[in-house]
Amino acid sequence: MNILIIEDEIPAANQLIRLLENQLPDITISGPLNGVAKSEEWLNHNPAPDLIFLDIHLADGSGFEIFKKTDVPSPVIFCTAFDQYAIEAFKLNSIDYLLKPVDPANLKQALEKYERMKPVQLPDPKLLLHLLQQQEKNYKKRFVTKVGSKLQLIETKDISFFFSADKATFVQTENGRQYSLDQSLDQLQEIIDPRSFYRINRKYLINIRSIVEVVAYSSNRLKLKLKNYQDEDVLVSRERTAGFKAWLDN
């Protein structure tokens, strides 16, 4: 059985490969491919795989764009962080979907479903792309905070980073001003675009545009210099370093 993995998050791809090799010892795995362009090139120059595992957000666009530009005869299992309406469409038009991080039991069920459903109808890329675009519009575009007796509007695009201190959450804008917010960093991760913001450790959630410099640090960690910020200890935690590097390379 030949499987192609299209996934731009290295930790997620490695986890999926390990799970697949545990459940299907005789498989051949190609990839992971981290973008639409690379996937199109691979599919145009290689025999169609028996099954594709496809992430939705890729380094250079939506995974659905592959179906618009390339003839893909292979069935697909989507890997995604989305639920709600888009997920229902995935269930109807593809083999299955897996929410990240992939659960071994769910993967086993998806593979069993694949065996039962051969051949399978390919997903409708136009419908799925439309639904994905609707989901993407839900990313938070602005925040409102109180400054004295006034309300301050903060556009998400103008935010350099979010950080926690003294059991509170703050935001710093590109001009260096700081404001308090009601949401926790965990809550913020769910409502802002992960292509622009990354949680480097328990304290910081940063915008890629805020990064001035990345320096190697001890114990395989990285130290960051951020715009208009003097803190010398902005470190990418050891367990997030690989994911951070992959995010930078998107």
C-alpha atoms as a PDB file:
ATOM      1  CA  MET A   1       0.000   0.000   0.000  1.00  0.00           C
ATOM      2  CA  ASN A   2       1.410   3.351  -1.053  1.00  0.00           C
ATOM      3  CA  ILE A   3       0.532   6.392   1.035  1.00  0.00           C
ATOM      4  CA  LEU A   4       1.299  10.043   0.315  1.00  0.00           C
ATOM      5  CA  ILE A   5       1.433  12.493   3.227  1.00  0.00           C
ATOM      6  CA  ILE A   6       0.835  16.187   2.510  1.00  0.00           C
ATOM      7  CA  GLU A   7       1.494  18.014   5.770  1.00  0.00           C
ATOM      8  CA  ASP A   8       3.496  21.174   6.520  1.00  0.00           C
ATOM      9  CA  GLU A   9       3.836  20.684  10.289  1.00  0.00           C
ATOM     10  CA  ILE A  10       6.874  18.484  10.836  1.00  0.00           C
ATOM     11  CA  PRO A  11       5.860  17.189  14.315  1.00  0.00           C
ATOM     12  CA  ALA A  12       2.385  16.290  13.039  1.00  0.00           C
ATOM     13  CA  ALA A  13       3.838  14.548   9.975  1.00  0.00           C
ATOM     14  CA  ASN A  14       6.313  12.549  12.059  1.00  0.00           C
ATOM     15  CA  GLN A  15       3.590  11.480  14.472  1.00  0.00           C
ATOM     16  CA  LEU A  16       1.361  10.341  11.600  1.00  0.00           C
ATOM     17  CA  ILE A  17       4.195   8.375  10.007  1.00  0.00           C
ATOM     18  CA  ARG A  18       4.917   6.579  13.286  1.00  0.00           C
ATOM     19  CA  LEU A  19       1.253   5.680  13.755  1.00  0.00           C
ATOM     20  CA  LEU A  20       0.898   4.436  10.179  1.00  0.00           C
ATOM     21  CA  GLU A  21       4.019   2.284  10.399  1.00  0.00           C
ATOM     22  CA  ASN A  22       2.723   0.757  13.640  1.00  0.00           C
ATOM     23  CA  GLN A  23      -0.649  -0.115  12.126  1.00  0.00           C
ATOM     24  CA  LEU A  24       0.442  -0.967   8.556  1.00  0.00           C
ATOM     25  CA  PRO A  25       3.958  -2.448   8.657  1.00  0.00           C
ATOM     26  CA  ASP A  26       4.112  -3.161   4.894  1.00  0.00           C
ATOM     27  CA  ILE A  27       3.245   0.333   3.635  1.00  0.00           C
ATOM     28  CA  THR A  28       5.393   2.636   1.539  1.00  0.00           C
ATOM     29  CA  ILE A  29       5.182   6.294   2.575  1.00  0.00           C
ATOM     30  CA  SER A  30       5.986   9.242   0.321  1.00  0.00           C
ATOM     31  CA  GLY A  31       6.450  12.748   1.694  1.00  0.00           C
ATOM     32  CA  PRO A  32       5.703  14.621   3.745  1.00  0.00           C
ATOM     33  CA  LEU A  33       5.133  17.360   1.176  1.00  0.00           C
ATOM     34  CA  ASN A  34       4.655  20.772   2.779  1.00  0.00           C
ATOM     35  CA  GLY A  35       2.922  22.797   0.090  1.00  0.00           C
ATOM     36  CA  VAL A  36       0.467  22.973  -2.795  1.00  0.00           C
ATOM     37  CA  ALA A  37       3.117  23.497  -5.482  1.00  0.00           C
ATOM     38  CA  LYS A  38       5.286  20.593  -4.310  1.00  0.00           C
ATOM     39  CA  SER A  39       2.243  18.323  -4.086  1.00  0.00           C
ATOM     40  CA  GLU A  40       1.098  19.205  -7.599  1.00  0.00           C
ATOM     41  CA  GLU A  41       4.572  18.513  -8.966  1.00  0.00           C
ATOM     42  CA  TRP A  42       4.783  15.174  -7.155  1.00  0.00           C
ATOM     43  CA  LEU A  43       1.349  14.038  -8.300  1.00  0.00           C
ATOM     44  CA  ASN A  44       2.089  15.007 -11.899  1.00  0.00           C
ATOM     45  CA  HIS A  45       5.322  12.990 -12.003  1.00  0.00           C
ATOM     46  CA  ASN A  46       4.519   9.920  -9.893  1.00  0.00           C
ATOM     47  CA  PRO A  47       1.960   7.094  -9.971  1.00  0.00           C
ATOM     48  CA  ALA A  48      -1.154   7.858  -7.975  1.00  0.00           C
ATOM     49  CA  PRO A  49      -0.851   6.631  -4.367  1.00  0.00           C
ATOM     50  CA  ASP A  50      -3.415   4.288  -2.881  1.00  0.00           C
ATOM     51  CA  LEU A  51      -4.310   6.845  -0.211  1.00  0.00           C
ATOM     52  CA  ILE A  52      -3.483  10.463   0.602  1.00  0.00           C
ATOM     53  CA  PHE A  53      -3.357  12.068   4.037  1.00  0.00           C
ATOM     54  CA  LEU A  54      -3.948  15.760   3.409  1.00  0.00           C
ATOM     55  CA  ASP A  55      -3.547  18.706   5.759  1.00  0.00           C
ATOM     56  CA  ILE A  56      -5.792  21.701   5.053  1.00  0.00           C
ATOM     57  CA  HIS A  57      -3.477  24.617   5.791  1.00  0.00           C
ATOM     58  CA  LEU A  58      -0.265  24.187   3.826  1.00  0.00           C
ATOM     59  CA  ALA A  59       2.817  26.340   3.557  1.00  0.00           C
ATOM     60  CA  ASP A  60       1.676  28.052   0.348  1.00  0.00           C
ATOM     61  CA  GLY A  61      -2.114  27.814   0.447  1.00  0.00           C
ATOM     62  CA  SER A  62      -5.122  25.567   0.940  1.00  0.00           C
ATOM     63  CA  GLY A  63      -4.837  21.848   0.385  1.00  0.00           C
ATOM     64  CA  PHE A  64      -8.018  21.984  -1.660  1.00  0.00           C
ATOM     65  CA  GLU A  65      -6.194  23.941  -4.373  1.00  0.00           C
ATOM     66  CA  ILE A  66      -4.398  20.721  -5.310  1.00  0.00           C
ATOM     67  CA  PHE A  67      -7.666  19.247  -6.564  1.00  0.00           C
ATOM     68  CA  LYS A  68      -8.413  22.330  -8.658  1.00  0.00           C
ATOM     69  CA  LYS A  69      -5.113  22.170 -10.537  1.00  0.00           C
ATOM     70  CA  THR A  70      -4.252  18.472 -10.629  1.00  0.00           C
ATOM     71  CA  ASP A  71      -6.116  15.261 -11.424  1.00  0.00           C
ATOM     72  CA  VAL A  72      -6.064  13.344  -8.139  1.00  0.00           C
ATOM     73  CA  PRO A  73      -7.570   9.853  -8.515  1.00  0.00           C
ATOM     74  CA  SER A  74      -6.615   8.766  -4.996  1.00  0.00           C
ATOM     75  CA  PRO A  75      -8.971   8.754  -1.993  1.00  0.00           C
ATOM     76  CA  VAL A  76      -8.175  11.207   0.777  1.00  0.00           C
ATOM     77  CA  ILE A  77      -8.178  11.295   4.566  1.00  0.00           C
ATOM     78  CA  PHE A  78      -8.101  14.871   5.786  1.00  0.00           C
ATOM     79  CA  CYS A  79      -6.041  15.945   8.787  1.00  0.00           C
ATOM     80  CA  THR A  80      -7.381  19.144  10.274  1.00  0.00           C
ATOM     81  CA  ALA A  81      -8.014  21.219  13.366  1.00  0.00           C
ATOM     82  CA  PHE A  82     -11.402  22.347  12.036  1.00  0.00           C
ATOM     83  CA  ASP A  83     -14.764  20.966  13.088  1.00  0.00           C
ATOM     84  CA  GLN A  84     -18.341  22.247  12.681  1.00  0.00           C
ATOM     85  CA  TYR A  85     -19.658  22.595   9.109  1.00  0.00           C
ATOM     86  CA  ALA A  86     -16.546  21.837   7.105  1.00  0.00           C
ATOM     87  CA  ILE A  87     -16.079  18.577   8.967  1.00  0.00           C
ATOM     88  CA  GLU A  88     -19.541  17.399   7.952  1.00  0.00           C
ATOM     89  CA  ALA A  89     -18.635  17.971   4.307  1.00  0.00           C
ATOM     90  CA  PHE A  90     -15.415  16.028   4.735  1.00  0.00           C
ATOM     91  CA  LYS A  91     -17.326  13.067   6.118  1.00  0.00           C
ATOM     92  CA  LEU A  92     -19.659  13.026   3.133  1.00  0.00           C
ATOM     93  CA  ASN A  93     -17.112  13.566   0.376  1.00  0.00           C
ATOM     94  CA  SER A  94     -13.949  11.845   1.542  1.00  0.00           C
ATOM     95  CA  ILE A  95     -12.853   8.719   3.327  1.00  0.00           C
ATOM     96  CA  ASP A  96     -12.687  10.392   6.719  1.00  0.00           C
ATOM     97  CA  TYR A  97     -11.060  13.184   8.703  1.00  0.00           C
ATOM     98  CA  LEU A  98      -8.703  13.154  11.635  1.00  0.00           C
ATOM     99  CA  LEU A  99      -8.423  15.921  14.180  1.00  0.00           C
ATOM    100  CA  LYS A 100      -4.922  16.857  15.282  1.00  0.00           C
ATOM    101  CA  PRO A 101      -3.185  15.493  17.223  1.00  0.00           C
ATOM    102  CA  VAL A 102      -4.091  12.209  15.554  1.00  0.00           C
ATOM    103  CA  ASP A 103      -5.494   9.596  17.905  1.00  0.00           C
ATOM    104  CA  PRO A 104      -4.339   6.018  17.098  1.00  0.00           C
ATOM    105  CA  ALA A 105      -7.843   4.599  17.545  1.00  0.00           C
ATOM    106  CA  ASN A 106      -9.317   7.182  15.157  1.00  0.00           C
ATOM    107  CA  LEU A 107      -6.607   6.453  12.608  1.00  0.00           C
ATOM    108  CA  LYS A 108      -7.372   2.737  12.811  1.00  0.00           C
ATOM    109  CA  GLN A 109     -11.073   3.415  12.207  1.00  0.00           C
ATOM    110  CA  ALA A 110     -10.260   5.666   9.226  1.00  0.00           C
ATOM    111  CA  LEU A 111      -8.056   2.993   7.641  1.00  0.00           C
ATOM    112  CA  GLU A 112     -10.756   0.361   8.171  1.00  0.00           C
ATOM    113  CA  LYS A 113     -13.265   2.722   6.551  1.00  0.00           C
ATOM    114  CA  TYR A 114     -10.895   3.140   3.601  1.00  0.00           C
ATOM    115  CA  GLU A 115     -10.793  -0.631   3.108  1.00  0.00           C
ATOM    116  CA  ARG A 116     -14.599  -0.843   3.198  1.00  0.00           C
ATOM    117  CA  MET A 117     -15.194   2.054   0.815  1.00  0.00           C
ATOM    118  CA  LYS A 118     -12.967   1.200  -2.168  1.00  0.00           C
ATOM    119  CA  PRO A 119     -13.533   2.764  -4.627  1.00  0.00           C
ATOM    120  CA  VAL A 120     -14.556   6.081  -3.128  1.00  0.00           C
ATOM    121  CA  GLN A 121     -15.918   9.333  -4.482  1.00  0.00           C
ATOM    122  CA  LEU A 122     -13.402  12.155  -4.376  1.00  0.00           C
ATOM    123  CA  PRO A 123     -14.280  15.315  -2.470  1.00  0.00           C
ATOM    124  CA  ASP A 124     -15.843  18.267  -4.212  1.00  0.00           C
ATOM    125  CA  PRO A 125     -12.957  20.777  -4.036  1.00  0.00           C
ATOM    126  CA  LYS A 126     -15.097  23.839  -4.777  1.00  0.00           C
ATOM    127  CA  LEU A 127     -17.504  23.080  -1.931  1.00  0.00           C
ATOM    128  CA  LEU A 128     -14.751  22.252   0.546  1.00  0.00           C
ATOM    129  CA  LEU A 129     -12.674  25.293  -0.406  1.00  0.00           C
ATOM    130  CA  HIS A 130     -15.711  27.519   0.068  1.00  0.00           C
ATOM    131  CA  LEU A 131     -16.372  26.030   3.497  1.00  0.00           C
ATOM    132  CA  LEU A 132     -12.743  26.419   4.508  1.00  0.00           C
ATOM    133  CA  GLN A 133     -12.735  30.053   3.449  1.00  0.00           C
ATOM    134  CA  GLN A 134     -15.838  30.619   5.575  1.00  0.00           C
ATOM    135  CA  GLN A 135     -14.017  29.087   8.545  1.00  0.00           C
ATOM    136  CA  GLU A 136     -10.946  31.249   7.974  1.00  0.00           C
ATOM    137  CA  LYS A 137     -13.071  34.387   8.155  1.00  0.00           C
ATOM    138  CA  ASN A 138     -13.765  33.564  11.784  1.00  0.00           C
ATOM    139  CA  TYR A 139     -10.244  34.432  12.901  1.00  0.00           C
ATOM    140  CA  LYS A 140     -10.428  37.402  15.222  1.00  0.00           C
ATOM    141  CA  LYS A 141      -9.692  40.662  13.435  1.00  0.00           C
ATOM    142  CA  ARG A 142      -9.618  43.055  16.393  1.00  0.00           C
ATOM    143  CA  PHE A 143      -9.706  43.273  20.164  1.00  0.00           C
ATOM    144  CA  VAL A 144     -11.357  45.789  22.497  1.00  0.00           C
ATOM    145  CA  THR A 145      -9.799  46.729  25.820  1.00  0.00           C
ATOM    146  CA  LYS A 146     -10.511  49.409  28.383  1.00  0.00           C
ATOM    147  CA  VAL A 147      -7.956  52.172  28.944  1.00  0.00           C
ATOM    148  CA  GLY A 148      -9.116  54.383  31.781  1.00  0.00           C
ATOM    149  CA  SER A 149     -12.639  55.449  30.900  1.00  0.00           C
ATOM    150  CA  LYS A 150     -12.168  54.786  27.165  1.00  0.00           C
ATOM    151  CA  LEU A 151     -12.375  51.729  24.954  1.00  0.00           C
ATOM    152  CA  GLN A 152      -9.303  50.988  22.850  1.00  0.00           C
ATOM    153  CA  LEU A 153      -9.617  49.100  19.545  1.00  0.00           C
ATOM    154  CA  ILE A 154      -6.605  46.970  18.603  1.00  0.00           C
ATOM    155  CA  GLU A 155      -6.398  45.474  15.119  1.00  0.00           C
ATOM    156  CA  THR A 156      -4.976  41.945  15.170  1.00  0.00           C
ATOM    157  CA  LYS A 157      -2.747  42.769  12.212  1.00  0.00           C
ATOM    158  CA  ASP A 158      -1.077  45.489  14.329  1.00  0.00           C
ATOM    159  CA  ILE A 159      -0.210  43.143  17.199  1.00  0.00           C
ATOM    160  CA  SER A 160       3.428  42.100  17.663  1.00  0.00           C
ATOM    161  CA  PHE A 161       2.788  39.525  20.353  1.00  0.00           C
ATOM    162  CA  PHE A 162       0.628  38.437  23.275  1.00  0.00           C
ATOM    163  CA  PHE A 163       2.209  37.572  26.604  1.00  0.00           C
ATOM    164  CA  SER A 164       1.260  36.604  30.140  1.00  0.00           C
ATOM    165  CA  ALA A 165       2.617  38.183  33.323  1.00  0.00           C
ATOM    166  CA  ASP A 166       1.443  38.184  36.930  1.00  0.00           C
ATOM    167  CA  LYS A 167      -1.486  35.868  36.069  1.00  0.00           C
ATOM    168  CA  ALA A 168      -2.782  38.355  33.458  1.00  0.00           C
ATOM    169  CA  THR A 169      -2.629  38.568  29.663  1.00  0.00           C
ATOM    170  CA  PHE A 170      -1.261  41.501  27.713  1.00  0.00           C
ATOM    171  CA  VAL A 171      -0.773  42.483  24.097  1.00  0.00           C
ATOM    172  CA  GLN A 172       1.983  44.604  22.599  1.00  0.00           C
ATOM    173  CA  THR A 173       1.362  46.423  19.347  1.00  0.00           C
ATOM    174  CA  GLU A 174       3.916  47.206  16.650  1.00  0.00           C
ATOM    175  CA  ASN A 175       4.471  50.690  18.087  1.00  0.00           C
ATOM    176  CA  GLY A 176       5.505  49.191  21.440  1.00  0.00           C
ATOM    177  CA  ARG A 177       2.349  49.991  23.412  1.00  0.00           C
ATOM    178  CA  GLN A 178       0.945  47.400  25.778  1.00  0.00           C
ATOM    179  CA  TYR A 179      -2.655  46.715  26.773  1.00  0.00           C
ATOM    180  CA  SER A 180      -4.344  44.153  28.996  1.00  0.00           C
ATOM    181  CA  LEU A 181      -6.778  41.568  27.615  1.00  0.00           C
ATOM    182  CA  ASP A 182      -9.410  39.360  29.192  1.00  0.00           C
ATOM    183  CA  GLN A 183      -8.524  36.200  27.240  1.00  0.00           C
ATOM    184  CA  SER A 184      -5.840  33.710  28.261  1.00  0.00           C
ATOM    185  CA  LEU A 185      -3.106  32.666  25.841  1.00  0.00           C
ATOM    186  CA  ASP A 186      -4.820  29.291  25.451  1.00  0.00           C
ATOM    187  CA  GLN A 187      -8.025  31.047  24.417  1.00  0.00           C
ATOM    188  CA  LEU A 188      -6.184  33.384  22.064  1.00  0.00           C
ATOM    189  CA  GLN A 189      -4.603  30.444  20.237  1.00  0.00           C
ATOM    190  CA  GLU A 190      -8.063  29.289  19.221  1.00  0.00           C
ATOM    191  CA  ILE A 191      -9.210  32.588  17.699  1.00  0.00           C
ATOM    192  CA  ILE A 192      -6.195  33.998  15.833  1.00  0.00           C
ATOM    193  CA  ASP A 193      -4.630  32.860  12.563  1.00  0.00           C
ATOM    194  CA  PRO A 194      -1.946  30.204  13.261  1.00  0.00           C
ATOM    195  CA  ARG A 195      -0.180  31.115  10.036  1.00  0.00           C
ATOM    196  CA  SER A 196       0.680  34.522  11.526  1.00  0.00           C
ATOM    197  CA  PHE A 197       0.988  33.733  15.253  1.00  0.00           C
ATOM    198  CA  TYR A 198       2.904  30.983  17.048  1.00  0.00           C
ATOM    199  CA  ARG A 199       2.983  29.984  20.732  1.00  0.00           C
ATOM    200  CA  ILE A 200       6.725  29.769  21.422  1.00  0.00           C
ATOM    201  CA  ASN A 201       6.340  28.918  25.120  1.00  0.00           C
ATOM    202  CA  ARG A 202       3.861  29.219  27.988  1.00  0.00           C
ATOM    203  CA  LYS A 203       4.354  32.996  28.154  1.00  0.00           C
ATOM    204  CA  TYR A 204       4.527  34.268  24.553  1.00  0.00           C
ATOM    205  CA  LEU A 205       2.325  34.044  21.471  1.00  0.00           C
ATOM    206  CA  ILE A 206       4.127  35.981  18.748  1.00  0.00           C
ATOM    207  CA  ASN A 207       3.446  37.443  15.316  1.00  0.00           C
ATOM    208  CA  ILE A 208       6.002  36.361  12.718  1.00  0.00           C
ATOM    209  CA  ARG A 209       6.390  40.016  11.707  1.00  0.00           C
ATOM    210  CA  SER A 210       7.638  40.880  15.191  1.00  0.00           C
ATOM    211  CA  ILE A 211      10.772  38.755  14.869  1.00  0.00           C
ATOM    212  CA  VAL A 212      13.958  40.733  14.349  1.00  0.00           C
ATOM    213  CA  GLU A 213      16.491  37.997  15.024  1.00  0.00           C
ATOM    214  CA  VAL A 214      16.655  34.275  15.872  1.00  0.00           C
ATOM    215  CA  VAL A 215      19.732  33.051  17.749  1.00  0.00           C
ATOM    216  CA  ALA A 216      20.753  29.522  18.764  1.00  0.00           C
ATOM    217  CA  TYR A 217      20.629  29.101  22.543  1.00  0.00           C
ATOM    218  CA  SER A 218      21.537  26.373  25.032  1.00  0.00           C
ATOM    219  CA  SER A 219      19.837  22.960  25.181  1.00  0.00           C
ATOM    220  CA  ASN A 220      18.598  23.114  21.565  1.00  0.00           C
ATOM    221  CA  ARG A 221      16.497  26.174  22.276  1.00  0.00           C
ATOM    222  CA  LEU A 222      16.239  29.434  20.344  1.00  0.00           C
ATOM    223  CA  LYS A 223      16.367  33.025  21.583  1.00  0.00           C
ATOM    224  CA  LEU A 224      14.341  35.704  19.800  1.00  0.00           C
ATOM    225  CA  LYS A 225      14.755  39.430  19.501  1.00  0.00           C
ATOM    226  CA  LEU A 226      11.393  41.130  19.008  1.00  0.00           C
ATOM    227  CA  LYS A 227      10.617  44.586  17.649  1.00  0.00           C
ATOM    228  CA  ASN A 228      10.332  47.353  20.277  1.00  0.00           C
ATOM    229  CA  TYR A 229      10.878  44.890  23.119  1.00  0.00           C
ATOM    230  CA  GLN A 230      13.871  44.847  25.447  1.00  0.00           C
ATOM    231  CA  ASP A 231      13.304  41.560  27.262  1.00  0.00           C
ATOM    232  CA  GLU A 232      16.411  39.436  26.675  1.00  0.00           C
ATOM    233  CA  ASP A 233      14.783  36.136  27.667  1.00  0.00           C
ATOM    234  CA  VAL A 234      12.289  35.518  24.868  1.00  0.00           C
ATOM    235  CA  LEU A 235      13.031  31.829  24.343  1.00  0.00           C
ATOM    236  CA  VAL A 236      11.410  29.165  22.205  1.00  0.00           C
ATOM    237  CA  SER A 237      10.845  26.207  24.508  1.00  0.00           C
ATOM    238  CA  ARG A 238      12.697  22.999  23.705  1.00  0.00           C
ATOM    239  CA  GLU A 239       9.549  21.033  22.865  1.00  0.00           C
ATOM    240  CA  ARG A 240       8.307  23.754  20.504  1.00  0.00           C
ATOM    241  CA  THR A 241      11.563  24.384  18.624  1.00  0.00           C
ATOM    242  CA  ALA A 242      10.946  21.927  15.770  1.00  0.00           C
ATOM    243  CA  GLY A 243       7.421  23.211  15.187  1.00  0.00           C
ATOM    244  CA  PHE A 244       8.636  26.807  15.359  1.00  0.00           C
ATOM    245  CA  LYS A 245      11.272  26.184  12.672  1.00  0.00           C
ATOM    246  CA  ALA A 246       8.659  24.576  10.440  1.00  0.00           C
ATOM    247  CA  TRP A 247       6.320  27.528  11.004  1.00  0.00           C
ATOM    248  CA  LEU A 248       9.071  29.968  10.015  1.00  0.00           C
ATOM    249  CA  ASP A 249       9.677  27.994   6.829  1.00  0.00           C
ATOM    250  CA  ASN A 250       6.036  28.159   5.693  1.00  0.00           C
END
